Amino acid sequence: QVQLVESGGGSVQAGGSLRLSCAVSGYTYSSSCMGWFRQEPGKDREGVAGIYTEGGTTVYADSVKGRFTISLNDAKNTVYLQMNSLKPEDTAMYYCAAVSPGGGNCANLLRRYGYNSWGQGTQVTVSS
Protein backbone atom coordinates (compact mmCIF):
# COMPACT_ATOMS: atom_id res chain seq x y z
CA GLN A 1 0.00 0.00 0.00
CA VAL A 2 1.43 3.35 -1.05
CA GLN A 3 1.66 5.96 1.69
CA LEU A 4 2.91 9.54 1.60
CA VAL A 5 3.44 11.26 4.94
CA GLU A 6 4.25 14.96 5.06
CA SER A 7 5.93 16.78 7.91
CA GLY A 8 7.70 20.06 8.58
CA GLY A 9 4.86 22.55 8.36
CA GLY A 10 4.40 25.29 10.92
CA SER A 11 4.10 29.00 11.52
CA VAL A 12 6.81 31.46 10.53
CA GLN A 13 7.17 35.17 9.95
CA ALA A 14 7.54 36.61 6.48
CA GLY A 15 11.05 36.16 5.20
CA GLY A 16 11.56 32.95 7.13
CA SER A 17 12.17 29.40 5.93
CA LEU A 18 10.66 25.96 6.33
CA ARG A 19 11.54 22.56 4.92
CA LEU A 20 8.75 20.14 4.21
CA SER A 21 9.41 16.41 4.00
CA CYS A 22 7.38 13.67 2.38
CA ALA A 23 8.25 10.11 3.34
CA VAL A 24 7.19 7.57 0.73
CA SER A 25 6.44 3.96 1.60
CA GLY A 26 4.94 1.05 -0.26
CA TYR A 27 6.96 1.50 -3.43
CA THR A 28 10.24 2.90 -4.70
CA TYR A 29 9.71 6.08 -6.64
CA SER A 30 12.36 5.46 -9.32
CA SER A 31 11.38 6.24 -12.93
CA SER A 32 8.43 8.31 -11.81
CA CYS A 33 7.65 11.81 -10.62
CA MET A 34 6.58 13.61 -7.49
CA GLY A 35 5.15 16.99 -6.71
CA TRP A 36 4.17 19.46 -4.05
CA PHE A 37 0.82 21.20 -4.16
CA ARG A 38 -0.89 23.71 -1.92
CA GLN A 39 -4.47 24.64 -1.24
CA GLU A 40 -6.17 27.49 0.56
CA PRO A 41 -9.72 27.10 1.89
CA GLY A 42 -12.23 27.53 -0.92
CA LYS A 43 -9.61 27.54 -3.65
CA ASP A 44 -8.30 24.97 -6.11
CA ARG A 45 -5.24 22.90 -5.31
CA GLU A 46 -2.31 24.40 -7.20
CA GLY A 47 0.99 22.87 -8.23
CA VAL A 48 4.02 24.40 -6.56
CA ALA A 49 6.91 22.19 -7.63
CA GLY A 50 7.53 18.87 -9.33
CA ILE A 51 10.46 16.58 -10.01
CA TYR A 52 11.20 13.64 -12.27
CA THR A 53 12.81 10.99 -10.07
CA GLU A 54 14.92 9.72 -12.98
CA GLY A 55 17.33 12.52 -13.83
CA GLY A 56 16.03 15.02 -11.31
CA THR A 57 14.53 17.58 -13.71
CA THR A 58 12.43 20.07 -11.75
CA VAL A 59 9.63 22.51 -12.54
CA TYR A 60 8.23 25.32 -10.41
CA ALA A 61 5.23 27.58 -10.38
CA ASP A 62 6.15 31.16 -11.27
CA SER A 63 5.03 32.31 -7.83
CA VAL A 64 7.74 30.29 -6.07
CA LYS A 65 10.63 30.28 -8.56
CA GLY A 66 13.88 31.30 -6.90
CA ARG A 67 12.44 30.77 -3.41
CA PHE A 68 11.42 27.08 -3.26
CA THR A 69 13.51 24.02 -4.07
CA ILE A 70 12.27 20.47 -4.50
CA SER A 71 14.74 17.64 -3.98
CA LEU A 72 15.00 13.90 -3.39
CA ASN A 73 16.80 11.65 -0.97
CA ASP A 74 16.77 8.28 -2.71
CA ALA A 75 18.27 6.45 0.25
CA LYS A 76 15.39 7.60 2.43
CA ASN A 77 12.70 7.46 -0.28
CA THR A 78 11.85 11.01 0.71
CA VAL A 79 11.08 14.20 -1.21
CA TYR A 80 11.67 17.65 0.26
CA LEU A 81 10.45 21.16 -0.36
CA GLN A 82 12.80 23.83 0.92
CA MET A 83 10.91 27.11 1.21
CA ASN A 84 12.85 30.33 1.66
CA SER A 85 11.81 33.98 1.72
CA LEU A 86 8.32 32.97 2.69
CA LYS A 87 5.46 35.38 2.10
CA PRO A 88 2.01 35.61 3.70
CA GLU A 89 0.53 34.49 0.37
CA ASP A 90 2.38 31.18 0.75
CA THR A 91 0.02 30.32 3.61
CA ALA A 92 -1.82 27.11 2.71
CA MET A 93 -2.11 23.39 3.32
CA TYR A 94 0.74 21.71 1.47
CA TYR A 95 0.36 18.27 -0.06
CA CYS A 96 2.84 15.78 -1.41
CA ALA A 97 1.82 13.83 -4.51
CA ALA A 98 3.24 10.90 -6.44
CA VAL A 99 2.62 8.83 -9.52
CA SER A 100 2.74 5.32 -8.11
CA PRO A 101 2.46 2.01 -9.96
CA GLY A 102 -0.99 1.21 -11.26
CA GLY A 103 -2.04 4.58 -12.60
CA GLY A 104 -1.33 8.23 -13.13
CA ASN A 105 1.12 9.94 -15.44
CA CYS A 106 3.92 12.49 -15.38
CA ALA A 107 2.77 14.50 -18.38
CA ASN A 108 2.56 17.77 -16.42
CA LEU A 109 4.13 17.92 -13.00
CA LEU A 110 2.13 20.93 -11.87
CA ARG A 111 -1.30 19.54 -12.72
CA ARG A 112 -2.98 17.51 -10.01
CA TYR A 113 -4.81 15.13 -12.35
CA GLY A 114 -1.74 13.10 -13.25
CA TYR A 115 -1.01 12.08 -9.68
CA ASN A 116 -2.65 9.04 -8.12
CA SER A 117 -1.25 9.10 -4.57
CA TRP A 118 -1.52 11.94 -2.05
CA GLY A 119 -0.43 12.68 1.47
CA GLN A 120 -2.66 14.06 4.19
CA GLY A 121 -1.17 17.56 4.07
CA THR A 122 0.81 19.81 6.37
CA GLN A 123 -0.18 23.37 7.23
CA VAL A 124 2.13 26.31 6.50
CA THR A 125 1.23 29.69 7.96
CA VAL A 126 3.26 32.82 7.20
CA SER A 127 2.54 35.97 9.17
CA SER A 128 3.45 39.49 8.10
C-alpha atoms as a PDB file:
ATOM      1  CA  GLN A   1       0.000   0.000   0.000  1.00  0.00           C
ATOM      2  CA  VAL A   2       1.426   3.346  -1.052  1.00  0.00           C
ATOM      3  CA  GLN A   3       1.661   5.958   1.695  1.00  0.00           C
ATOM      4  CA  LEU A   4       2.906   9.536   1.602  1.00  0.00           C
ATOM      5  CA  VAL A   5       3.437  11.260   4.945  1.00  0.00           C
ATOM      6  CA  GLU A   6       4.252  14.965   5.058  1.00  0.00           C
ATOM      7  CA  SER A   7       5.926  16.781   7.907  1.00  0.00           C
ATOM      8  CA  GLY A   8       7.702  20.058   8.584  1.00  0.00           C
ATOM      9  CA  GLY A   9       4.865  22.549   8.362  1.00  0.00           C
ATOM     10  CA  GLY A  10       4.401  25.289  10.920  1.00  0.00           C
ATOM     11  CA  SER A  11       4.102  29.004  11.518  1.00  0.00           C
ATOM     12  CA  VAL A  12       6.813  31.464  10.526  1.00  0.00           C
ATOM     13  CA  GLN A  13       7.168  35.165   9.950  1.00  0.00           C
ATOM     14  CA  ALA A  14       7.536  36.611   6.480  1.00  0.00           C
ATOM     15  CA  GLY A  15      11.055  36.160   5.197  1.00  0.00           C
ATOM     16  CA  GLY A  16      11.556  32.947   7.133  1.00  0.00           C
ATOM     17  CA  SER A  17      12.167  29.401   5.930  1.00  0.00           C
ATOM     18  CA  LEU A  18      10.656  25.958   6.325  1.00  0.00           C
ATOM     19  CA  ARG A  19      11.542  22.563   4.923  1.00  0.00           C
ATOM     20  CA  LEU A  20       8.755  20.139   4.208  1.00  0.00           C
ATOM     21  CA  SER A  21       9.412  16.412   4.004  1.00  0.00           C
ATOM     22  CA  CYS A  22       7.380  13.665   2.385  1.00  0.00           C
ATOM     23  CA  ALA A  23       8.248  10.112   3.344  1.00  0.00           C
ATOM     24  CA  VAL A  24       7.191   7.565   0.729  1.00  0.00           C
ATOM     25  CA  SER A  25       6.442   3.956   1.604  1.00  0.00           C
ATOM     26  CA  GLY A  26       4.940   1.046  -0.264  1.00  0.00           C
ATOM     27  CA  TYR A  27       6.958   1.496  -3.429  1.00  0.00           C
ATOM     28  CA  THR A  28      10.238   2.900  -4.704  1.00  0.00           C
ATOM     29  CA  TYR A  29       9.711   6.085  -6.641  1.00  0.00           C
ATOM     30  CA  SER A  30      12.358   5.458  -9.316  1.00  0.00           C
ATOM     31  CA  SER A  31      11.381   6.237 -12.931  1.00  0.00           C
ATOM     32  CA  SER A  32       8.430   8.311 -11.808  1.00  0.00           C
ATOM     33  CA  CYS A  33       7.649  11.810 -10.625  1.00  0.00           C
ATOM     34  CA  MET A  34       6.583  13.608  -7.493  1.00  0.00           C
ATOM     35  CA  GLY A  35       5.153  16.989  -6.709  1.00  0.00           C
ATOM     36  CA  TRP A  36       4.169  19.456  -4.050  1.00  0.00           C
ATOM     37  CA  PHE A  37       0.820  21.204  -4.161  1.00  0.00           C
ATOM     38  CA  ARG A  38      -0.891  23.710  -1.921  1.00  0.00           C
ATOM     39  CA  GLN A  39      -4.471  24.643  -1.245  1.00  0.00           C
ATOM     40  CA  GLU A  40      -6.172  27.494   0.558  1.00  0.00           C
ATOM     41  CA  PRO A  41      -9.724  27.100   1.887  1.00  0.00           C
ATOM     42  CA  GLY A  42     -12.230  27.532  -0.918  1.00  0.00           C
ATOM     43  CA  LYS A  43      -9.606  27.539  -3.652  1.00  0.00           C
ATOM     44  CA  ASP A  44      -8.300  24.966  -6.108  1.00  0.00           C
ATOM     45  CA  ARG A  45      -5.237  22.904  -5.311  1.00  0.00           C
ATOM     46  CA  GLU A  46      -2.310  24.403  -7.204  1.00  0.00           C
ATOM     47  CA  GLY A  47       0.986  22.875  -8.231  1.00  0.00           C
ATOM     48  CA  VAL A  48       4.021  24.397  -6.564  1.00  0.00           C
ATOM     49  CA  ALA A  49       6.911  22.192  -7.633  1.00  0.00           C
ATOM     50  CA  GLY A  50       7.532  18.869  -9.334  1.00  0.00           C
ATOM     51  CA  ILE A  51      10.459  16.576 -10.007  1.00  0.00           C
ATOM     52  CA  TYR A  52      11.202  13.635 -12.267  1.00  0.00           C
ATOM     53  CA  THR A  53      12.806  10.993 -10.074  1.00  0.00           C
ATOM     54  CA  GLU A  54      14.924   9.719 -12.983  1.00  0.00           C
ATOM     55  CA  GLY A  55      17.331  12.522 -13.833  1.00  0.00           C
ATOM     56  CA  GLY A  56      16.026  15.024 -11.309  1.00  0.00           C
ATOM     57  CA  THR A  57      14.526  17.584 -13.713  1.00  0.00           C
ATOM     58  CA  THR A  58      12.428  20.069 -11.754  1.00  0.00           C
ATOM     59  CA  VAL A  59       9.630  22.510 -12.538  1.00  0.00           C
ATOM     60  CA  TYR A  60       8.227  25.323 -10.415  1.00  0.00           C
ATOM     61  CA  ALA A  61       5.230  27.581 -10.377  1.00  0.00           C
ATOM     62  CA  ASP A  62       6.147  31.165 -11.268  1.00  0.00           C
ATOM     63  CA  SER A  63       5.032  32.309  -7.827  1.00  0.00           C
ATOM     64  CA  VAL A  64       7.742  30.295  -6.069  1.00  0.00           C
ATOM     65  CA  LYS A  65      10.634  30.285  -8.558  1.00  0.00           C
ATOM     66  CA  GLY A  66      13.879  31.298  -6.904  1.00  0.00           C
ATOM     67  CA  ARG A  67      12.441  30.767  -3.410  1.00  0.00           C
ATOM     68  CA  PHE A  68      11.418  27.083  -3.261  1.00  0.00           C
ATOM     69  CA  THR A  69      13.510  24.015  -4.073  1.00  0.00           C
ATOM     70  CA  ILE A  70      12.271  20.469  -4.505  1.00  0.00           C
ATOM     71  CA  SER A  71      14.735  17.638  -3.983  1.00  0.00           C
ATOM     72  CA  LEU A  72      14.999  13.896  -3.391  1.00  0.00           C
ATOM     73  CA  ASN A  73      16.797  11.647  -0.967  1.00  0.00           C
ATOM     74  CA  ASP A  74      16.773   8.278  -2.711  1.00  0.00           C
ATOM     75  CA  ALA A  75      18.266   6.451   0.251  1.00  0.00           C
ATOM     76  CA  LYS A  76      15.387   7.600   2.433  1.00  0.00           C
ATOM     77  CA  ASN A  77      12.697   7.464  -0.278  1.00  0.00           C
ATOM     78  CA  THR A  78      11.855  11.015   0.710  1.00  0.00           C
ATOM     79  CA  VAL A  79      11.078  14.198  -1.206  1.00  0.00           C
ATOM     80  CA  TYR A  80      11.674  17.646   0.261  1.00  0.00           C
ATOM     81  CA  LEU A  81      10.452  21.160  -0.361  1.00  0.00           C
ATOM     82  CA  GLN A  82      12.803  23.834   0.918  1.00  0.00           C
ATOM     83  CA  MET A  83      10.913  27.105   1.208  1.00  0.00           C
ATOM     84  CA  ASN A  84      12.846  30.327   1.662  1.00  0.00           C
ATOM     85  CA  SER A  85      11.815  33.985   1.723  1.00  0.00           C
ATOM     86  CA  LEU A  86       8.317  32.969   2.687  1.00  0.00           C
ATOM     87  CA  LYS A  87       5.464  35.385   2.102  1.00  0.00           C
ATOM     88  CA  PRO A  88       2.009  35.609   3.704  1.00  0.00           C
ATOM     89  CA  GLU A  89       0.528  34.494   0.367  1.00  0.00           C
ATOM     90  CA  ASP A  90       2.377  31.181   0.751  1.00  0.00           C
ATOM     91  CA  THR A  91       0.021  30.319   3.611  1.00  0.00           C
ATOM     92  CA  ALA A  92      -1.819  27.107   2.708  1.00  0.00           C
ATOM     93  CA  MET A  93      -2.106  23.394   3.323  1.00  0.00           C
ATOM     94  CA  TYR A  94       0.742  21.715   1.468  1.00  0.00           C
ATOM     95  CA  TYR A  95       0.356  18.265  -0.058  1.00  0.00           C
ATOM     96  CA  CYS A  96       2.843  15.777  -1.408  1.00  0.00           C
ATOM     97  CA  ALA A  97       1.821  13.827  -4.509  1.00  0.00           C
ATOM     98  CA  ALA A  98       3.235  10.896  -6.437  1.00  0.00           C
ATOM     99  CA  VAL A  99       2.618   8.826  -9.516  1.00  0.00           C
ATOM    100  CA  SER A 100       2.736   5.318  -8.107  1.00  0.00           C
ATOM    101  CA  PRO A 101       2.457   2.013  -9.962  1.00  0.00           C
ATOM    102  CA  GLY A 102      -0.987   1.207 -11.262  1.00  0.00           C
ATOM    103  CA  GLY A 103      -2.035   4.576 -12.605  1.00  0.00           C
ATOM    104  CA  GLY A 104      -1.330   8.230 -13.129  1.00  0.00           C
ATOM    105  CA  ASN A 105       1.123   9.936 -15.440  1.00  0.00           C
ATOM    106  CA  CYS A 106       3.924  12.487 -15.379  1.00  0.00           C
ATOM    107  CA  ALA A 107       2.773  14.502 -18.377  1.00  0.00           C
ATOM    108  CA  ASN A 108       2.556  17.771 -16.420  1.00  0.00           C
ATOM    109  CA  LEU A 109       4.127  17.920 -12.997  1.00  0.00           C
ATOM    110  CA  LEU A 110       2.126  20.934 -11.868  1.00  0.00           C
ATOM    111  CA  ARG A 111      -1.300  19.544 -12.721  1.00  0.00           C
ATOM    112  CA  ARG A 112      -2.975  17.510 -10.011  1.00  0.00           C
ATOM    113  CA  TYR A 113      -4.812  15.134 -12.354  1.00  0.00           C
ATOM    114  CA  GLY A 114      -1.739  13.096 -13.254  1.00  0.00           C
ATOM    115  CA  TYR A 115      -1.007  12.077  -9.681  1.00  0.00           C
ATOM    116  CA  ASN A 116      -2.653   9.038  -8.121  1.00  0.00           C
ATOM    117  CA  SER A 117      -1.252   9.097  -4.573  1.00  0.00           C
ATOM    118  CA  TRP A 118      -1.519  11.939  -2.052  1.00  0.00           C
ATOM    119  CA  GLY A 119      -0.428  12.676   1.475  1.00  0.00           C
ATOM    120  CA  GLN A 120      -2.660  14.061   4.187  1.00  0.00           C
ATOM    121  CA  GLY A 121      -1.172  17.560   4.067  1.00  0.00           C
ATOM    122  CA  THR A 122       0.810  19.815   6.372  1.00  0.00           C
ATOM    123  CA  GLN A 123      -0.184  23.375   7.229  1.00  0.00           C
ATOM    124  CA  VAL A 124       2.129  26.310   6.503  1.00  0.00           C
ATOM    125  CA  THR A 125       1.228  29.694   7.959  1.00  0.00           C
ATOM    126  CA  VAL A 126       3.263  32.818   7.198  1.00  0.00           C
ATOM    127  CA  SER A 127       2.543  35.970   9.169  1.00  0.00           C
ATOM    128  CA  SER A 128       3.447  39.490   8.104  1.00  0.00           C
END
